[in-house]
Amino acid sequence: MSDSELLLKAAINRIAARVTEKLINSAQEFTEIAEELPQKLQNEWDSFKEEVIQESERLGKKANECKEKTREKQLSKEDLIQIQIDNLRSKVIDINKDIEGGN
């Protein structure tokens, strides 16, 4: 073989060796990722479920607060109506006293 053929063959061998090395490294990295992936997915799924539960609890508390505020407003309206009724009763009693006193 001539020097140029040897040089070309050496270059091809080195290129093949480097490509093979890169493929092996990539395959190893891929294997590591593939082995870690199920655990990472499980961790993400667990984290997501916890976030959903927390959000559900937050929304539930918010809904309860809104219900209580609405109930308080209703009670306040009922209290105002009762006060008006009590005032009217008091006026009727006063009018009855005036009528009875005038007779």
C-alpha atoms as a PDB file:
ATOM      1  CA  MET A   1       0.000   0.000   0.000  1.00  0.00           C
ATOM      2  CA  SER A   2       1.189   3.421  -0.769  1.00  0.00           C
ATOM      3  CA  ASP A   3       1.602   6.151   1.790  1.00  0.00           C
ATOM      4  CA  SER A   4      -1.509   7.978   0.601  1.00  0.00           C
ATOM      5  CA  GLU A   5      -3.554   4.772   0.788  1.00  0.00           C
ATOM      6  CA  LEU A   6      -2.267   4.121   4.302  1.00  0.00           C
ATOM      7  CA  LEU A   7      -3.037   7.678   5.296  1.00  0.00           C
ATOM      8  CA  LEU A   8      -6.549   7.416   3.843  1.00  0.00           C
ATOM      9  CA  LYS A   9      -7.151   4.054   5.529  1.00  0.00           C
ATOM     10  CA  ALA A  10      -5.855   5.438   8.854  1.00  0.00           C
ATOM     11  CA  ALA A  11      -8.163   8.454   8.556  1.00  0.00           C
ATOM     12  CA  ILE A  12     -11.159   6.210   7.791  1.00  0.00           C
ATOM     13  CA  ASN A  13     -10.286   3.936  10.722  1.00  0.00           C
ATOM     14  CA  ARG A  14     -10.040   6.895  13.101  1.00  0.00           C
ATOM     15  CA  ILE A  15     -13.292   8.389  11.821  1.00  0.00           C
ATOM     16  CA  ALA A  16     -15.010   5.015  12.255  1.00  0.00           C
ATOM     17  CA  ALA A  17     -13.538   4.647  15.746  1.00  0.00           C
ATOM     18  CA  ARG A  18     -14.699   8.133  16.761  1.00  0.00           C
ATOM     19  CA  VAL A  19     -18.183   7.597  15.321  1.00  0.00           C
ATOM     20  CA  THR A  20     -18.409   4.232  17.074  1.00  0.00           C
ATOM     21  CA  GLU A  21     -17.258   5.816  20.355  1.00  0.00           C
ATOM     22  CA  LYS A  22     -19.828   8.607  20.011  1.00  0.00           C
ATOM     23  CA  LEU A  23     -22.570   6.084  19.248  1.00  0.00           C
ATOM     24  CA  ILE A  24     -21.608   3.989  22.272  1.00  0.00           C
ATOM     25  CA  ASN A  25     -21.566   7.070  24.514  1.00  0.00           C
ATOM     26  CA  SER A  26     -24.912   8.202  23.129  1.00  0.00           C
ATOM     27  CA  ALA A  27     -26.381   4.749  23.644  1.00  0.00           C
ATOM     28  CA  GLN A  28     -25.153   4.729  27.246  1.00  0.00           C
ATOM     29  CA  GLU A  29     -26.608   8.183  27.882  1.00  0.00           C
ATOM     30  CA  PHE A  30     -29.870   7.086  26.295  1.00  0.00           C
ATOM     31  CA  THR A  31     -29.929   3.975  28.491  1.00  0.00           C
ATOM     32  CA  GLU A  32     -29.352   6.078  31.605  1.00  0.00           C
ATOM     33  CA  ILE A  33     -32.124   8.458  30.589  1.00  0.00           C
ATOM     34  CA  ALA A  34     -34.447   5.556  29.806  1.00  0.00           C
ATOM     35  CA  GLU A  35     -33.736   4.023  33.224  1.00  0.00           C
ATOM     36  CA  GLU A  36     -34.370   7.306  35.042  1.00  0.00           C
ATOM     37  CA  LEU A  37     -37.426   8.262  32.990  1.00  0.00           C
ATOM     38  CA  PRO A  38     -40.036   6.094  34.781  1.00  0.00           C
ATOM     39  CA  GLN A  39     -38.995   7.473  38.174  1.00  0.00           C
ATOM     40  CA  LYS A  40     -38.962  11.041  36.877  1.00  0.00           C
ATOM     41  CA  LEU A  41     -42.404  10.551  35.344  1.00  0.00           C
ATOM     42  CA  GLN A  42     -43.686   9.068  38.608  1.00  0.00           C
ATOM     43  CA  ASN A  43     -42.257  12.008  40.566  1.00  0.00           C
ATOM     44  CA  GLU A  44     -43.849  14.504  38.183  1.00  0.00           C
ATOM     45  CA  TRP A  45     -47.178  12.648  38.359  1.00  0.00           C
ATOM     46  CA  ASP A  46     -47.071  12.620  42.180  1.00  0.00           C
ATOM     47  CA  SER A  47     -46.211  16.310  42.221  1.00  0.00           C
ATOM     48  CA  PHE A  48     -49.054  17.079  39.807  1.00  0.00           C
ATOM     49  CA  LYS A  49     -51.559  15.100  41.908  1.00  0.00           C
ATOM     50  CA  GLU A  50     -50.466  16.980  45.039  1.00  0.00           C
ATOM     51  CA  GLU A  51     -50.865  20.314  43.241  1.00  0.00           C
ATOM     52  CA  VAL A  52     -54.363  19.308  42.103  1.00  0.00           C
ATOM     53  CA  ILE A  53     -55.323  18.314  45.648  1.00  0.00           C
ATOM     54  CA  GLN A  54     -53.999  21.599  47.043  1.00  0.00           C
ATOM     55  CA  GLU A  55     -55.836  23.597  44.377  1.00  0.00           C
ATOM     56  CA  SER A  56     -59.018  21.656  45.089  1.00  0.00           C
ATOM     57  CA  GLU A  57     -58.707  22.433  48.798  1.00  0.00           C
ATOM     58  CA  ARG A  58     -58.061  26.105  48.031  1.00  0.00           C
ATOM     59  CA  LEU A  59     -61.099  26.310  45.768  1.00  0.00           C
ATOM     60  CA  GLY A  60     -63.212  24.512  48.381  1.00  0.00           C
ATOM     61  CA  LYS A  61     -62.167  26.998  51.067  1.00  0.00           C
ATOM     62  CA  LYS A  62     -62.889  29.888  48.732  1.00  0.00           C
ATOM     63  CA  ALA A  63     -66.340  28.477  47.922  1.00  0.00           C
ATOM     64  CA  ASN A  64     -67.076  28.027  51.658  1.00  0.00           C
ATOM     65  CA  GLU A  65     -65.982  31.600  52.346  1.00  0.00           C
ATOM     66  CA  CYS A  66     -68.312  32.847  49.613  1.00  0.00           C
ATOM     67  CA  LYS A  67     -71.173  30.774  51.031  1.00  0.00           C
ATOM     68  CA  GLU A  68     -70.549  32.164  54.510  1.00  0.00           C
ATOM     69  CA  LYS A  69     -70.428  35.737  53.241  1.00  0.00           C
ATOM     70  CA  THR A  70     -73.682  35.173  51.367  1.00  0.00           C
ATOM     71  CA  ARG A  71     -75.239  33.641  54.484  1.00  0.00           C
ATOM     72  CA  GLU A  72     -74.013  36.585  56.582  1.00  0.00           C
ATOM     73  CA  LYS A  73     -75.542  39.015  54.104  1.00  0.00           C
ATOM     74  CA  GLN A  74     -78.814  37.093  54.236  1.00  0.00           C
ATOM     75  CA  LEU A  75     -78.732  37.099  58.025  1.00  0.00           C
ATOM     76  CA  SER A  76     -78.035  40.809  57.954  1.00  0.00           C
ATOM     77  CA  LYS A  77     -81.029  41.352  55.653  1.00  0.00           C
ATOM     78  CA  GLU A  78     -83.178  39.183  57.917  1.00  0.00           C
ATOM     79  CA  ASP A  79     -81.947  41.135  60.937  1.00  0.00           C
ATOM     80  CA  LEU A  80     -82.813  44.425  59.237  1.00  0.00           C
ATOM     81  CA  ILE A  81     -86.292  43.154  58.400  1.00  0.00           C
ATOM     82  CA  GLN A  82     -86.764  42.004  62.007  1.00  0.00           C
ATOM     83  CA  ILE A  83     -85.664  45.424  63.256  1.00  0.00           C
ATOM     84  CA  GLN A  84     -88.190  47.090  60.953  1.00  0.00           C
ATOM     85  CA  ILE A  85     -90.912  44.747  62.192  1.00  0.00           C
ATOM     86  CA  ASP A  86     -89.970  45.486  65.812  1.00  0.00           C
ATOM     87  CA  ASN A  87     -90.083  49.238  65.092  1.00  0.00           C
ATOM     88  CA  LEU A  88     -93.511  48.918  63.491  1.00  0.00           C
ATOM     89  CA  ARG A  89     -94.788  46.905  66.462  1.00  0.00           C
ATOM     90  CA  SER A  90     -93.460  49.574  68.811  1.00  0.00           C
ATOM     91  CA  LYS A  91     -95.256  52.286  66.838  1.00  0.00           C
ATOM     92  CA  VAL A  92     -98.496  50.272  66.849  1.00  0.00           C
ATOM     93  CA  ILE A  93     -98.205  49.852  70.642  1.00  0.00           C
ATOM     94  CA  ASP A  94     -97.624  53.612  71.045  1.00  0.00           C
ATOM     95  CA  ILE A  95    -100.626  54.383  68.836  1.00  0.00           C
ATOM     96  CA  ASN A  96    -102.780  51.927  70.842  1.00  0.00           C
ATOM     97  CA  LYS A  97    -101.685  53.601  74.080  1.00  0.00           C
ATOM     98  CA  ASP A  98    -102.586  57.028  72.678  1.00  0.00           C
ATOM     99  CA  ILE A  99    -105.986  55.753  71.532  1.00  0.00           C
ATOM    100  CA  GLU A 100    -106.682  54.083  74.887  1.00  0.00           C
ATOM    101  CA  GLY A 101    -105.487  57.146  76.746  1.00  0.00           C
ATOM    102  CA  GLY A 102    -107.796  59.388  74.763  1.00  0.00           C
ATOM    103  CA  ASN A 103    -110.879  57.345  75.524  1.00  0.00           C
END
